[in-house]
Amino acid sequence: MLKLTYTENSFTLEYLEVALEDWVNQRVTLALHSATNIYIEASQAAFLLPCESARLVDLEKLNQANIVDICPCDATTVEVILKGTWIAAHQESEVGIFVTSLSKSAELLLEGLAKTEQFCYV
């Protein structure tokens, strides 16, 4: 699964070798035991990627397979859109965690891009 963490002024993407359902269940259990708010909804997450990325061809293949959506933004960036689950403390929170489960090859490609490219989040 992929875990995208959105903070007030940063964004990280991690590949985790755990089932999405197990990870979400652990988060819910943690919130219950610690008496903290948790908000979960089906959602989308997006980030920007430079057009010059050498791996953009690989991403285009994922786009054609309907695994991710890729939309041109301007002459220098494309927007990569994922479908998954948003988890935050409150419904209107812009700070939280987005998790999704894709094919392992897609997840590893996105993780590799996160390590080598300058991601920006939208």
PDB file of N, CA and C in Angstrom:
ATOM      1  N   MET A   1       0.839  -1.176   0.000  1.00  0.00           N
ATOM      2  CA  MET A   1       0.000   0.000   0.000  1.00  0.00           C
ATOM      3  C   MET A   1       0.878   1.231   0.000  1.00  0.00           C
ATOM      4  N   LEU A   2       0.324   2.334  -0.440  1.00  0.00           N
ATOM      5  CA  LEU A   2       1.023   3.615  -0.387  1.00  0.00           C
ATOM      6  C   LEU A   2       0.382   4.480   0.681  1.00  0.00           C
ATOM      7  N   LYS A   3       1.230   5.167   1.411  1.00  0.00           N
ATOM      8  CA  LYS A   3       0.772   6.100   2.443  1.00  0.00           C
ATOM      9  C   LYS A   3       1.318   7.475   2.086  1.00  0.00           C
ATOM     10  N   LEU A   4       0.416   8.419   1.855  1.00  0.00           N
ATOM     11  CA  LEU A   4       0.792   9.796   1.553  1.00  0.00           C
ATOM     12  C   LEU A   4       0.434  10.639   2.766  1.00  0.00           C
ATOM     13  N   THR A   5       1.412  11.286   3.341  1.00  0.00           N
ATOM     14  CA  THR A   5       1.191  12.100   4.529  1.00  0.00           C
ATOM     15  C   THR A   5       1.232  13.571   4.136  1.00  0.00           C
ATOM     16  N   TYR A   6       0.149  14.267   4.430  1.00  0.00           N
ATOM     17  CA  TYR A   6       0.037  15.693   4.131  1.00  0.00           C
ATOM     18  C   TYR A   6       0.090  16.470   5.444  1.00  0.00           C
ATOM     19  N   THR A   7       1.089  17.346   5.578  1.00  0.00           N
ATOM     20  CA  THR A   7       1.182  18.230   6.737  1.00  0.00           C
ATOM     21  C   THR A   7       0.916  19.649   6.263  1.00  0.00           C
ATOM     22  N   GLU A   8       1.063  20.607   7.148  1.00  0.00           N
ATOM     23  CA  GLU A   8       0.771  21.994   6.774  1.00  0.00           C
ATOM     24  C   GLU A   8       1.619  22.477   5.607  1.00  0.00           C
ATOM     25  N   ASN A   9       2.874  22.063   5.537  1.00  0.00           N
ATOM     26  CA  ASN A   9       3.722  22.539   4.443  1.00  0.00           C
ATOM     27  C   ASN A   9       4.665  21.485   3.899  1.00  0.00           C
ATOM     28  N   SER A  10       4.249  20.219   3.962  1.00  0.00           N
ATOM     29  CA  SER A  10       5.060  19.192   3.331  1.00  0.00           C
ATOM     30  C   SER A  10       4.189  18.005   2.936  1.00  0.00           C
ATOM     31  N   PHE A  11       4.814  17.108   2.206  1.00  0.00           N
ATOM     32  CA  PHE A  11       4.128  15.941   1.670  1.00  0.00           C
ATOM     33  C   PHE A  11       5.147  14.816   1.585  1.00  0.00           C
ATOM     34  N   THR A  12       4.794  13.627   2.046  1.00  0.00           N
ATOM     35  CA  THR A  12       5.676  12.473   1.892  1.00  0.00           C
ATOM     36  C   THR A  12       4.865  11.300   1.347  1.00  0.00           C
ATOM     37  N   LEU A  13       5.539  10.439   0.619  1.00  0.00           N
ATOM     38  CA  LEU A  13       4.922   9.242   0.069  1.00  0.00           C
ATOM     39  C   LEU A  13       5.782   8.062   0.492  1.00  0.00           C
ATOM     40  N   GLU A  14       5.139   7.038   1.071  1.00  0.00           N
ATOM     41  CA  GLU A  14       5.859   5.850   1.531  1.00  0.00           C
ATOM     42  C   GLU A  14       5.177   4.592   1.006  1.00  0.00           C
ATOM     43  N   TYR A  15       5.968   3.594   0.699  1.00  0.00           N
ATOM     44  CA  TYR A  15       5.461   2.272   0.369  1.00  0.00           C
ATOM     45  C   TYR A  15       5.516   1.444   1.641  1.00  0.00           C
ATOM     46  N   LEU A  16       4.400   0.802   2.001  1.00  0.00           N
ATOM     47  CA  LEU A  16       4.348  -0.047   3.189  1.00  0.00           C
ATOM     48  C   LEU A  16       3.911  -1.447   2.789  1.00  0.00           C
ATOM     49  N   GLU A  17       4.599  -2.433   3.309  1.00  0.00           N
ATOM     50  CA  GLU A  17       4.233  -3.824   3.017  1.00  0.00           C
ATOM     51  C   GLU A  17       3.251  -4.323   4.058  1.00  0.00           C
ATOM     52  N   VAL A  18       2.079  -3.734   4.054  1.00  0.00           N
ATOM     53  CA  VAL A  18       1.000  -4.132   4.951  1.00  0.00           C
ATOM     54  C   VAL A  18      -0.301  -3.963   4.171  1.00  0.00           C
ATOM     55  N   ALA A  19      -1.281  -4.789   4.467  1.00  0.00           N
ATOM     56  CA  ALA A  19      -2.568  -4.680   3.791  1.00  0.00           C
ATOM     57  C   ALA A  19      -3.260  -3.385   4.223  1.00  0.00           C
ATOM     58  N   LEU A  20      -3.867  -2.714   3.276  1.00  0.00           N
ATOM     59  CA  LEU A  20      -4.553  -1.448   3.537  1.00  0.00           C
ATOM     60  C   LEU A  20      -5.585  -1.601   4.656  1.00  0.00           C
ATOM     61  N   GLU A  21      -6.390  -2.644   4.595  1.00  0.00           N
ATOM     62  CA  GLU A  21      -7.436  -2.853   5.599  1.00  0.00           C
ATOM     63  C   GLU A  21      -6.851  -3.027   6.991  1.00  0.00           C
ATOM     64  N   ASP A  22      -5.754  -3.760   7.095  1.00  0.00           N
ATOM     65  CA  ASP A  22      -5.105  -3.952   8.392  1.00  0.00           C
ATOM     66  C   ASP A  22      -4.581  -2.638   8.942  1.00  0.00           C
ATOM     67  N   TRP A  23      -3.967  -1.838   8.073  1.00  0.00           N
ATOM     68  CA  TRP A  23      -3.408  -0.562   8.508  1.00  0.00           C
ATOM     69  C   TRP A  23      -4.519   0.373   8.981  1.00  0.00           C
ATOM     70  N   VAL A  24      -5.616   0.458   8.222  1.00  0.00           N
ATOM     71  CA  VAL A  24      -6.739   1.325   8.613  1.00  0.00           C
ATOM     72  C   VAL A  24      -7.341   0.836   9.923  1.00  0.00           C
ATOM     73  N   ASN A  25      -7.512  -0.467  10.064  1.00  0.00           N
ATOM     74  CA  ASN A  25      -8.049  -1.015  11.318  1.00  0.00           C
ATOM     75  C   ASN A  25      -7.172  -0.646  12.507  1.00  0.00           C
ATOM     76  N   GLN A  26      -5.852  -0.687  12.335  1.00  0.00           N
ATOM     77  CA  GLN A  26      -4.943  -0.298  13.414  1.00  0.00           C
ATOM     78  C   GLN A  26      -5.120   1.171  13.772  1.00  0.00           C
ATOM     79  N   ARG A  27      -5.299   2.039  12.753  1.00  0.00           N
ATOM     80  CA  ARG A  27      -5.502   3.470  13.015  1.00  0.00           C
ATOM     81  C   ARG A  27      -6.794   3.717  13.775  1.00  0.00           C
ATOM     82  N   VAL A  28      -7.862   3.003  13.410  1.00  0.00           N
ATOM     83  CA  VAL A  28      -9.150   3.154  14.095  1.00  0.00           C
ATOM     84  C   VAL A  28      -9.027   2.681  15.537  1.00  0.00           C
ATOM     85  N   THR A  29      -8.394   1.543  15.732  1.00  0.00           N
ATOM     86  CA  THR A  29      -8.194   1.018  17.084  1.00  0.00           C
ATOM     87  C   THR A  29      -7.372   1.983  17.927  1.00  0.00           C
ATOM     88  N   LEU A  30      -6.319   2.542  17.352  1.00  0.00           N
ATOM     89  CA  LEU A  30      -5.495   3.520  18.058  1.00  0.00           C
ATOM     90  C   LEU A  30      -6.325   4.738  18.459  1.00  0.00           C
ATOM     91  N   ALA A  31      -7.149   5.230  17.549  1.00  0.00           N
ATOM     92  CA  ALA A  31      -7.995   6.393  17.857  1.00  0.00           C
ATOM     93  C   ALA A  31      -8.985   6.065  18.974  1.00  0.00           C
ATOM     94  N   LEU A  32      -9.567   4.889  18.941  1.00  0.00           N
ATOM     95  CA  LEU A  32     -10.504   4.488  19.995  1.00  0.00           C
ATOM     96  C   LEU A  32      -9.819   4.394  21.350  1.00  0.00           C
ATOM     97  N   HIS A  33      -8.648   3.768  21.392  1.00  0.00           N
ATOM     98  CA  HIS A  33      -7.927   3.590  22.658  1.00  0.00           C
ATOM     99  C   HIS A  33      -7.361   4.888  23.204  1.00  0.00           C
ATOM    100  N   SER A  34      -7.059   5.816  22.322  1.00  0.00           N
ATOM    101  CA  SER A  34      -6.492   7.085  22.787  1.00  0.00           C
ATOM    102  C   SER A  34      -7.543   8.193  22.868  1.00  0.00           C
ATOM    103  N   ALA A  35      -8.792   7.859  22.593  1.00  0.00           N
ATOM    104  CA  ALA A  35      -9.913   8.805  22.662  1.00  0.00           C
ATOM    105  C   ALA A  35      -9.652  10.056  21.814  1.00  0.00           C
ATOM    106  N   THR A  36      -9.158   9.849  20.602  1.00  0.00           N
ATOM    107  CA  THR A  36      -8.940  10.961  19.679  1.00  0.00           C
ATOM    108  C   THR A  36      -9.912  10.848  18.510  1.00  0.00           C
ATOM    109  N   ASN A  37     -10.185  11.988  17.893  1.00  0.00           N
ATOM    110  CA  ASN A  37     -11.080  12.010  16.739  1.00  0.00           C
ATOM    111  C   ASN A  37     -10.433  11.332  15.547  1.00  0.00           C
ATOM    112  N   ILE A  38     -11.269  10.703  14.728  1.00  0.00           N
ATOM    113  CA  ILE A  38     -10.789  10.149  13.468  1.00  0.00           C
ATOM    114  C   ILE A  38     -11.911  10.316  12.444  1.00  0.00           C
ATOM    115  N   TYR A  39     -11.527  10.765  11.275  1.00  0.00           N
ATOM    116  CA  TYR A  39     -12.461  10.946  10.175  1.00  0.00           C
ATOM    117  C   TYR A  39     -11.910  10.166   8.987  1.00  0.00           C
ATOM    118  N   ILE A  40     -12.747   9.319   8.397  1.00  0.00           N
ATOM    119  CA  ILE A  40     -12.307   8.481   7.277  1.00  0.00           C
ATOM    120  C   ILE A  40     -13.315   8.617   6.144  1.00  0.00           C
ATOM    121  N   GLU A  41     -12.809   8.826   4.919  1.00  0.00           N
ATOM    122  CA  GLU A  41     -13.707   8.874   3.771  1.00  0.00           C
ATOM    123  C   GLU A  41     -12.979   8.424   2.504  1.00  0.00           C
ATOM    124  N   ALA A  42     -13.744   7.882   1.574  1.00  0.00           N
ATOM    125  CA  ALA A  42     -13.194   7.578   0.247  1.00  0.00           C
ATOM    126  C   ALA A  42     -12.898   8.919  -0.413  1.00  0.00           C
ATOM    127  N   SER A  43     -11.738   9.006  -1.040  1.00  0.00           N
ATOM    128  CA  SER A  43     -11.315  10.301  -1.548  1.00  0.00           C
ATOM    129  C   SER A  43     -10.290  10.138  -2.664  1.00  0.00           C
ATOM    130  N   GLN A  44      -9.735  11.263  -3.073  1.00  0.00           N
ATOM    131  CA  GLN A  44      -8.639  11.296  -4.036  1.00  0.00           C
ATOM    132  C   GLN A  44      -7.522  12.144  -3.459  1.00  0.00           C
ATOM    133  N   ALA A  45      -6.311  11.836  -3.871  1.00  0.00           N
ATOM    134  CA  ALA A  45      -5.150  12.642  -3.496  1.00  0.00           C
ATOM    135  C   ALA A  45      -4.396  12.966  -4.766  1.00  0.00           C
ATOM    136  N   ALA A  46      -3.719  14.102  -4.764  1.00  0.00           N
ATOM    137  CA  ALA A  46      -2.983  14.515  -5.961  1.00  0.00           C
ATOM    138  C   ALA A  46      -1.652  15.129  -5.563  1.00  0.00           C
ATOM    139  N   PHE A  47      -0.704  15.032  -6.490  1.00  0.00           N
ATOM    140  CA  PHE A  47       0.576  15.700  -6.331  1.00  0.00           C
ATOM    141  C   PHE A  47       1.078  16.049  -7.715  1.00  0.00           C
ATOM    142  N   LEU A  48       1.993  17.004  -7.763  1.00  0.00           N
ATOM    143  CA  LEU A  48       2.552  17.450  -9.035  1.00  0.00           C
ATOM    144  C   LEU A  48       3.902  16.799  -9.264  1.00  0.00           C
ATOM    145  N   LEU A  49       4.180  16.530 -10.517  1.00  0.00           N
ATOM    146  CA  LEU A  49       5.426  15.898 -10.920  1.00  0.00           C
ATOM    147  C   LEU A  49       5.978  16.660 -12.116  1.00  0.00           C
ATOM    148  N   PRO A  50       7.282  16.906 -12.155  1.00  0.00           N
ATOM    149  CA  PRO A  50       7.857  17.617 -13.308  1.00  0.00           C
ATOM    150  C   PRO A  50       7.651  16.843 -14.608  1.00  0.00           C
ATOM    151  N   CYS A  51       7.355  17.545 -15.673  1.00  0.00           N
ATOM    152  CA  CYS A  51       7.174  16.921 -16.995  1.00  0.00           C
ATOM    153  C   CYS A  51       8.453  16.260 -17.497  1.00  0.00           C
ATOM    154  N   GLU A  52       9.603  16.718 -17.032  1.00  0.00           N
ATOM    155  CA  GLU A  52      10.877  16.181 -17.512  1.00  0.00           C
ATOM    156  C   GLU A  52      11.236  14.850 -16.873  1.00  0.00           C
ATOM    157  N   SER A  53      10.399  14.320 -16.032  1.00  0.00           N
ATOM    158  CA  SER A  53      10.709  13.070 -15.346  1.00  0.00           C
ATOM    159  C   SER A  53      10.964  11.949 -16.349  1.00  0.00           C
ATOM    160  N   ALA A  54      12.069  11.242 -16.143  1.00  0.00           N
ATOM    161  CA  ALA A  54      12.426  10.135 -17.024  1.00  0.00           C
ATOM    162  C   ALA A  54      11.425   8.985 -16.903  1.00  0.00           C
ATOM    163  N   ARG A  55      10.712   8.911 -15.802  1.00  0.00           N
ATOM    164  CA  ARG A  55       9.769   7.810 -15.562  1.00  0.00           C
ATOM    165  C   ARG A  55       8.338   8.172 -15.952  1.00  0.00           C
ATOM    166  N   LEU A  56       8.155   9.325 -16.591  1.00  0.00           N
ATOM    167  CA  LEU A  56       6.817   9.757 -16.984  1.00  0.00           C
ATOM    168  C   LEU A  56       6.175   8.764 -17.956  1.00  0.00           C
ATOM    169  N   VAL A  57       6.972   8.130 -18.802  1.00  0.00           N
ATOM    170  CA  VAL A  57       6.452   7.119 -19.732  1.00  0.00           C
ATOM    171  C   VAL A  57       5.831   5.962 -18.948  1.00  0.00           C
ATOM    172  N   ASP A  58       6.490   5.550 -17.864  1.00  0.00           N
ATOM    173  CA  ASP A  58       5.957   4.478 -17.031  1.00  0.00           C
ATOM    174  C   ASP A  58       4.647   4.903 -16.365  1.00  0.00           C
ATOM    175  N   LEU A  59       4.587   6.155 -15.941  1.00  0.00           N
ATOM    176  CA  LEU A  59       3.353   6.666 -15.347  1.00  0.00           C
ATOM    177  C   LEU A  59       2.228   6.709 -16.371  1.00  0.00           C
ATOM    178  N   GLU A  60       2.551   7.059 -17.599  1.00  0.00           N
ATOM    179  CA  GLU A  60       1.542   7.092 -18.662  1.00  0.00           C
ATOM    180  C   GLU A  60       0.935   5.702 -18.863  1.00  0.00           C
ATOM    181  N   LYS A  61       1.735   4.656 -18.708  1.00  0.00           N
ATOM    182  CA  LYS A  61       1.214   3.290 -18.829  1.00  0.00           C
ATOM    183  C   LYS A  61       0.208   3.007 -17.711  1.00  0.00           C
ATOM    184  N   LEU A  62       0.486   3.495 -16.504  1.00  0.00           N
ATOM    185  CA  LEU A  62      -0.460   3.334 -15.392  1.00  0.00           C
ATOM    186  C   LEU A  62      -1.735   4.113 -15.664  1.00  0.00           C
ATOM    187  N   ASN A  63      -1.587   5.272 -16.299  1.00  0.00           N
ATOM    188  CA  ASN A  63      -2.744   6.086 -16.653  1.00  0.00           C
ATOM    189  C   ASN A  63      -3.618   5.330 -17.660  1.00  0.00           C
ATOM    190  N   GLN A  64      -3.000   4.727 -18.655  1.00  0.00           N
ATOM    191  CA  GLN A  64      -3.747   3.981 -19.667  1.00  0.00           C
ATOM    192  C   GLN A  64      -4.437   2.758 -19.075  1.00  0.00           C
ATOM    193  N   ALA A  65      -3.876   2.195 -18.027  1.00  0.00           N
ATOM    194  CA  ALA A  65      -4.467   1.039 -17.365  1.00  0.00           C
ATOM    195  C   ALA A  65      -5.483   1.452 -16.291  1.00  0.00           C
ATOM    196  N   ASN A  66      -5.787   2.740 -16.203  1.00  0.00           N
ATOM    197  CA  ASN A  66      -6.743   3.292 -15.233  1.00  0.00           C
ATOM    198  C   ASN A  66      -6.341   3.040 -13.784  1.00  0.00           C
ATOM    199  N   ILE A  67      -5.043   2.994 -13.531  1.00  0.00           N
ATOM    200  CA  ILE A  67      -4.541   2.824 -12.169  1.00  0.00           C
ATOM    201  C   ILE A  67      -4.375   4.190 -11.506  1.00  0.00           C
ATOM    202  N   VAL A  68      -3.884   5.152 -12.261  1.00  0.00           N
ATOM    203  CA  VAL A  68      -3.769   6.538 -11.807  1.00  0.00           C
ATOM    204  C   VAL A  68      -4.323   7.430 -12.915  1.00  0.00           C
ATOM    205  N   ASP A  69      -4.642   8.657 -12.565  1.00  0.00           N
ATOM    206  CA  ASP A  69      -5.012   9.658 -13.562  1.00  0.00           C
ATOM    207  C   ASP A  69      -3.873  10.663 -13.649  1.00  0.00           C
ATOM    208  N   ILE A  70      -3.540  11.059 -14.862  1.00  0.00           N
ATOM    209  CA  ILE A  70      -2.505  12.063 -15.072  1.00  0.00           C
ATOM    210  C   ILE A  70      -3.102  13.184 -15.900  1.00  0.00           C
ATOM    211  N   CYS A  71      -2.983  14.409 -15.390  1.00  0.00           N
ATOM    212  CA  CYS A  71      -3.523  15.578 -16.081  1.00  0.00           C
ATOM    213  C   CYS A  71      -2.418  16.620 -16.229  1.00  0.00           C
ATOM    214  N   PRO A  72      -2.209  17.139 -17.444  1.00  0.00           N
ATOM    215  CA  PRO A  72      -1.227  18.209 -17.611  1.00  0.00           C
ATOM    216  C   PRO A  72      -1.677  19.453 -16.851  1.00  0.00           C
ATOM    217  N   CYS A  73      -0.743  20.104 -16.177  1.00  0.00           N
ATOM    218  CA  CYS A  73      -1.071  21.337 -15.449  1.00  0.00           C
ATOM    219  C   CYS A  73      -0.608  22.561 -16.228  1.00  0.00           C
ATOM    220  N   ASP A  74       0.661  22.551 -16.585  1.00  0.00           N
ATOM    221  CA  ASP A  74       1.249  23.638 -17.356  1.00  0.00           C
ATOM    222  C   ASP A  74       2.416  23.063 -18.146  1.00  0.00           C
ATOM    223  N   ALA A  75       3.271  23.909 -18.645  1.00  0.00           N
ATOM    224  CA  ALA A  75       4.378  23.437 -19.482  1.00  0.00           C
ATOM    225  C   ALA A  75       5.420  22.640 -18.697  1.00  0.00           C
ATOM    226  N   THR A  76       5.418  22.751 -17.368  1.00  0.00           N
ATOM    227  CA  THR A  76       6.473  22.106 -16.585  1.00  0.00           C
ATOM    228  C   THR A  76       6.011  20.978 -15.673  1.00  0.00           C
ATOM    229  N   THR A  77       4.700  20.840 -15.431  1.00  0.00           N
ATOM    230  CA  THR A  77       4.231  19.841 -14.463  1.00  0.00           C
ATOM    231  C   THR A  77       2.992  19.087 -14.947  1.00  0.00           C
ATOM    232  N   VAL A  78       2.842  17.878 -14.392  1.00  0.00           N
ATOM    233  CA  VAL A  78       1.623  17.100 -14.549  1.00  0.00           C
ATOM    234  C   VAL A  78       1.100  16.787 -13.150  1.00  0.00           C
ATOM    235  N   GLU A  79      -0.208  16.607 -13.062  1.00  0.00           N
ATOM    236  CA  GLU A  79      -0.833  16.247 -11.804  1.00  0.00           C
ATOM    237  C   GLU A  79      -1.126  14.751 -11.817  1.00  0.00           C
ATOM    238  N   VAL A  80      -0.686  14.050 -10.792  1.00  0.00           N
ATOM    239  CA  VAL A  80      -0.945  12.621 -10.639  1.00  0.00           C
ATOM    240  C   VAL A  80      -2.034  12.482  -9.578  1.00  0.00           C
ATOM    241  N   ILE A  81      -3.116  11.782  -9.939  1.00  0.00           N
ATOM    242  CA  ILE A  81      -4.275  11.664  -9.054  1.00  0.00           C
ATOM    243  C   ILE A  81      -4.495  10.194  -8.714  1.00  0.00           C
ATOM    244  N   LEU A  82      -4.639   9.926  -7.427  1.00  0.00           N
ATOM    245  CA  LEU A  82      -4.862   8.565  -6.916  1.00  0.00           C
ATOM    246  C   LEU A  82      -6.204   8.498  -6.207  1.00  0.00           C
ATOM    247  N   LYS A  83      -6.843   7.344  -6.252  1.00  0.00           N
ATOM    248  CA  LYS A  83      -8.080   7.111  -5.505  1.00  0.00           C
ATOM    249  C   LYS A  83      -7.750   6.253  -4.295  1.00  0.00           C
ATOM    250  N   GLY A  84      -8.372   6.578  -3.164  1.00  0.00           N
ATOM    251  CA  GLY A  84      -8.092   5.810  -1.962  1.00  0.00           C
ATOM    252  C   GLY A  84      -8.910   6.295  -0.782  1.00  0.00           C
ATOM    253  N   THR A  85      -8.287   6.325   0.389  1.00  0.00           N
ATOM    254  CA  THR A  85      -8.957   6.662   1.642  1.00  0.00           C
ATOM    255  C   THR A  85      -8.228   7.784   2.354  1.00  0.00           C
ATOM    256  N   TRP A  86      -8.965   8.811   2.747  1.00  0.00           N
ATOM    257  CA  TRP A  86      -8.432   9.952   3.484  1.00  0.00           C
ATOM    258  C   TRP A  86      -8.733   9.751   4.960  1.00  0.00           C
ATOM    259  N   ILE A  87      -7.716   9.932   5.793  1.00  0.00           N
ATOM    260  CA  ILE A  87      -7.862   9.786   7.243  1.00  0.00           C
ATOM    261  C   ILE A  87      -7.315  11.045   7.895  1.00  0.00           C
ATOM    262  N   ALA A  88      -8.157  11.683   8.704  1.00  0.00           N
ATOM    263  CA  ALA A  88      -7.763  12.924   9.372  1.00  0.00           C
ATOM    264  C   ALA A  88      -8.485  13.005  10.716  1.00  0.00           C
ATOM    265  N   ALA A  89      -8.167  14.040  11.467  1.00  0.00           N
ATOM    266  CA  ALA A  89      -8.810  14.231  12.766  1.00  0.00           C
ATOM    267  C   ALA A  89     -10.212  14.808  12.614  1.00  0.00           C
ATOM    268  N   HIS A  90     -10.430  15.594  11.553  1.00  0.00           N
ATOM    269  CA  HIS A  90     -11.714  16.263  11.348  1.00  0.00           C
ATOM    270  C   HIS A  90     -12.056  16.278   9.857  1.00  0.00           C
ATOM    271  N   GLN A  91     -13.317  16.415   9.546  1.00  0.00           N
ATOM    272  CA  GLN A  91     -13.783  16.380   8.172  1.00  0.00           C
ATOM    273  C   GLN A  91     -13.138  17.451   7.299  1.00  0.00           C
ATOM    274  N   GLU A  92     -12.939  18.634   7.800  1.00  0.00           N
ATOM    275  CA  GLU A  92     -12.409  19.743   7.002  1.00  0.00           C
ATOM    276  C   GLU A  92     -10.885  19.871   7.067  1.00  0.00           C
ATOM    277  N   SER A  93     -10.228  18.946   7.701  1.00  0.00           N
ATOM    278  CA  SER A  93      -8.776  19.030   7.882  1.00  0.00           C
ATOM    279  C   SER A  93      -8.030  18.865   6.568  1.00  0.00           C
ATOM    280  N   GLU A  94      -7.036  19.715   6.367  1.00  0.00           N
ATOM    281  CA  GLU A  94      -6.143  19.599   5.212  1.00  0.00           C
ATOM    282  C   GLU A  94      -4.865  18.846   5.584  1.00  0.00           C
ATOM    283  N   VAL A  95      -4.737  18.485   6.835  1.00  0.00           N
ATOM    284  CA  VAL A  95      -3.607  17.717   7.341  1.00  0.00           C
ATOM    285  C   VAL A  95      -4.118  16.314   7.640  1.00  0.00           C
ATOM    286  N   GLY A  96      -3.452  15.310   7.077  1.00  0.00           N
ATOM    287  CA  GLY A  96      -3.894  13.950   7.320  1.00  0.00           C
ATOM    288  C   GLY A  96      -3.097  12.953   6.513  1.00  0.00           C
ATOM    289  N   ILE A  97      -3.654  11.757   6.425  1.00  0.00           N
ATOM    290  CA  ILE A  97      -2.986  10.659   5.731  1.00  0.00           C
ATOM    291  C   ILE A  97      -3.939  10.099   4.678  1.00  0.00           C
ATOM    292  N   PHE A  98      -3.387   9.882   3.500  1.00  0.00           N
ATOM    293  CA  PHE A  98      -4.126   9.265   2.418  1.00  0.00           C
ATOM    294  C   PHE A  98      -3.480   7.914   2.147  1.00  0.00           C
ATOM    295  N   VAL A  99      -4.285   6.865   2.079  1.00  0.00           N
ATOM    296  CA  VAL A  99      -3.749   5.537   1.802  1.00  0.00           C
ATOM    297  C   VAL A  99      -4.467   4.947   0.591  1.00  0.00           C
ATOM    298  N   THR A 100      -3.720   4.177  -0.168  1.00  0.00           N
ATOM    299  CA  THR A 100      -4.283   3.521  -1.346  1.00  0.00           C
ATOM    300  C   THR A 100      -3.565   2.216  -1.588  1.00  0.00           C
ATOM    301  N   SER A 101      -4.252   1.322  -2.258  1.00  0.00           N
ATOM    302  CA  SER A 101      -3.667   0.043  -2.609  1.00  0.00           C
ATOM    303  C   SER A 101      -3.715  -0.100  -4.120  1.00  0.00           C
ATOM    304  N   LEU A 102      -2.543  -0.202  -4.729  1.00  0.00           N
ATOM    305  CA  LEU A 102      -2.396  -0.358  -6.171  1.00  0.00           C
ATOM    306  C   LEU A 102      -1.648  -1.661  -6.421  1.00  0.00           C
ATOM    307  N   SER A 103      -1.338  -1.930  -7.654  1.00  0.00           N
ATOM    308  CA  SER A 103      -0.474  -3.079  -7.916  1.00  0.00           C
ATOM    309  C   SER A 103       0.896  -2.788  -7.307  1.00  0.00           C
ATOM    310  N   LYS A 104       1.609  -3.828  -6.931  1.00  0.00           N
ATOM    311  CA  LYS A 104       2.913  -3.648  -6.298  1.00  0.00           C
ATOM    312  C   LYS A 104       3.859  -2.868  -7.217  1.00  0.00           C
ATOM    313  N   SER A 105       3.826  -3.162  -8.518  1.00  0.00           N
ATOM    314  CA  SER A 105       4.713  -2.451  -9.449  1.00  0.00           C
ATOM    315  C   SER A 105       4.366  -0.967  -9.518  1.00  0.00           C
ATOM    316  N   ALA A 106       3.085  -0.636  -9.475  1.00  0.00           N
ATOM    317  CA  ALA A 106       2.671   0.773  -9.490  1.00  0.00           C
ATOM    318  C   ALA A 106       3.116   1.473  -8.207  1.00  0.00           C
ATOM    319  N   GLU A 107       2.947   0.802  -7.082  1.00  0.00           N
ATOM    320  CA  GLU A 107       3.357   1.386  -5.807  1.00  0.00           C
ATOM    321  C   GLU A 107       4.865   1.620  -5.761  1.00  0.00           C
ATOM    322  N   LEU A 108       5.631   0.645  -6.238  1.00  0.00           N
ATOM    323  CA  LEU A 108       7.087   0.796  -6.230  1.00  0.00           C
ATOM    324  C   LEU A 108       7.544   1.889  -7.198  1.00  0.00           C
ATOM    325  N   LEU A 109       6.871   2.028  -8.330  1.00  0.00           N
ATOM    326  CA  LEU A 109       7.188   3.104  -9.266  1.00  0.00           C
ATOM    327  C   LEU A 109       6.954   4.461  -8.605  1.00  0.00           C
ATOM    328  N   LEU A 110       5.798   4.630  -7.966  1.00  0.00           N
ATOM    329  CA  LEU A 110       5.498   5.908  -7.312  1.00  0.00           C
ATOM    330  C   LEU A 110       6.443   6.176  -6.148  1.00  0.00           C
ATOM    331  N   GLU A 111       6.804   5.132  -5.402  1.00  0.00           N
ATOM    332  CA  GLU A 111       7.772   5.308  -4.323  1.00  0.00           C
ATOM    333  C   GLU A 111       9.124   5.748  -4.890  1.00  0.00           C
ATOM    334  N   GLY A 112       9.548   5.126  -5.974  1.00  0.00           N
ATOM    335  CA  GLY A 112      10.809   5.509  -6.611  1.00  0.00           C
ATOM    336  C   GLY A 112      10.789   6.945  -7.092  1.00  0.00           C
ATOM    337  N   LEU A 113       9.674   7.358  -7.668  1.00  0.00           N
ATOM    338  CA  LEU A 113       9.534   8.747  -8.106  1.00  0.00           C
ATOM    339  C   LEU A 113       9.609   9.700  -6.914  1.00  0.00           C
ATOM    340  N   ALA A 114       8.996   9.295  -5.808  1.00  0.00           N
ATOM    341  CA  ALA A 114       9.009  10.147  -4.616  1.00  0.00           C
ATOM    342  C   ALA A 114      10.425  10.350  -4.101  1.00  0.00           C
ATOM    343  N   LYS A 115      11.268   9.351  -4.270  1.00  0.00           N
ATOM    344  CA  LYS A 115      12.647   9.453  -3.790  1.00  0.00           C
ATOM    345  C   LYS A 115      13.537  10.261  -4.731  1.00  0.00           C
ATOM    346  N   THR A 116      13.215  10.271  -6.028  1.00  0.00           N
ATOM    347  CA  THR A 116      14.117  10.893  -6.997  1.00  0.00           C
ATOM    348  C   THR A 116      13.614  12.201  -7.598  1.00  0.00           C
ATOM    349  N   GLU A 117      12.331  12.443  -7.536  1.00  0.00           N
ATOM    350  CA  GLU A 117      11.756  13.643  -8.162  1.00  0.00           C
ATOM    351  C   GLU A 117      11.351  14.651  -7.097  1.00  0.00           C
ATOM    352  N   GLN A 118      11.162  15.877  -7.539  1.00  0.00           N
ATOM    353  CA  GLN A 118      10.682  16.930  -6.648  1.00  0.00           C
ATOM    354  C   GLN A 118       9.165  16.952  -6.722  1.00  0.00           C
ATOM    355  N   PHE A 119       8.497  16.299  -5.769  1.00  0.00           N
ATOM    356  CA  PHE A 119       7.042  16.304  -5.722  1.00  0.00           C
ATOM    357  C   PHE A 119       6.566  17.607  -5.100  1.00  0.00           C
ATOM    358  N   CYS A 120       5.437  18.056  -5.543  1.00  0.00           N
ATOM    359  CA  CYS A 120       4.718  19.157  -4.893  1.00  0.00           C
ATOM    360  C   CYS A 120       3.307  18.660  -4.708  1.00  0.00           C
ATOM    361  N   TYR A 121       2.647  19.044  -3.631  1.00  0.00           N
ATOM    362  CA  TYR A 121       1.283  18.597  -3.496  1.00  0.00           C
ATOM    363  C   TYR A 121       0.333  19.742  -3.752  1.00  0.00           C
ATOM    364  N   VAL A 122      -0.875  19.346  -4.174  1.00  0.00           N
ATOM    365  CA  VAL A 122      -1.904  20.314  -4.522  1.00  0.00           C
ATOM    366  C   VAL A 122      -2.995  20.315  -3.505  1.00  0.00           C
TER     367      VAL A 122
END
